[in-house]
Amino acid sequence: SNTKQICEQLEQKVEQRERDNQLLSEYANELRVKLADPPEPPPRDRTADDLALERRMEEVGRQVGELSATVRAQEERERELVRSGEEDRAAMDALRRELGEKAAELDALSFQHSGLRK
């Protein structure tokens, strides 16, 4: 039951990360769309506001890149968690089989022992 709780907790963490990754991915995609191809303004002298806006757009672009990298890293961690959870489940299944075999051996030995005592 402890193992079952651990597996359930891992599954809950994976589900939460999937939701978090989806939200981050959607947010990053929204930012990409907004920054993709801004309409070209008519040629004019660049003002201080224009330069500030360009710097801000570069900063937002950098943040989008960082968010994308974070999403990719989260997705990789999620895949690793799923992989390790599957490995843990396989190990637990093997332990259960071994325990079942040992219990069967114990039952057989107990039966033999009770037969010898008579």
Foldseek 3Di string as FASTA:
>chain_A
DVLVVVLVVLVVVLVVLVVVLVVLVVVLVVLCVVLVDDDDDDDDDQDPVNVVVVVVSVVSVVVSVVSVVVSVVSVVVSVVSVVVSVVSVVVVVVVVVVVVVVVVVVVVVVVVVVVVVD
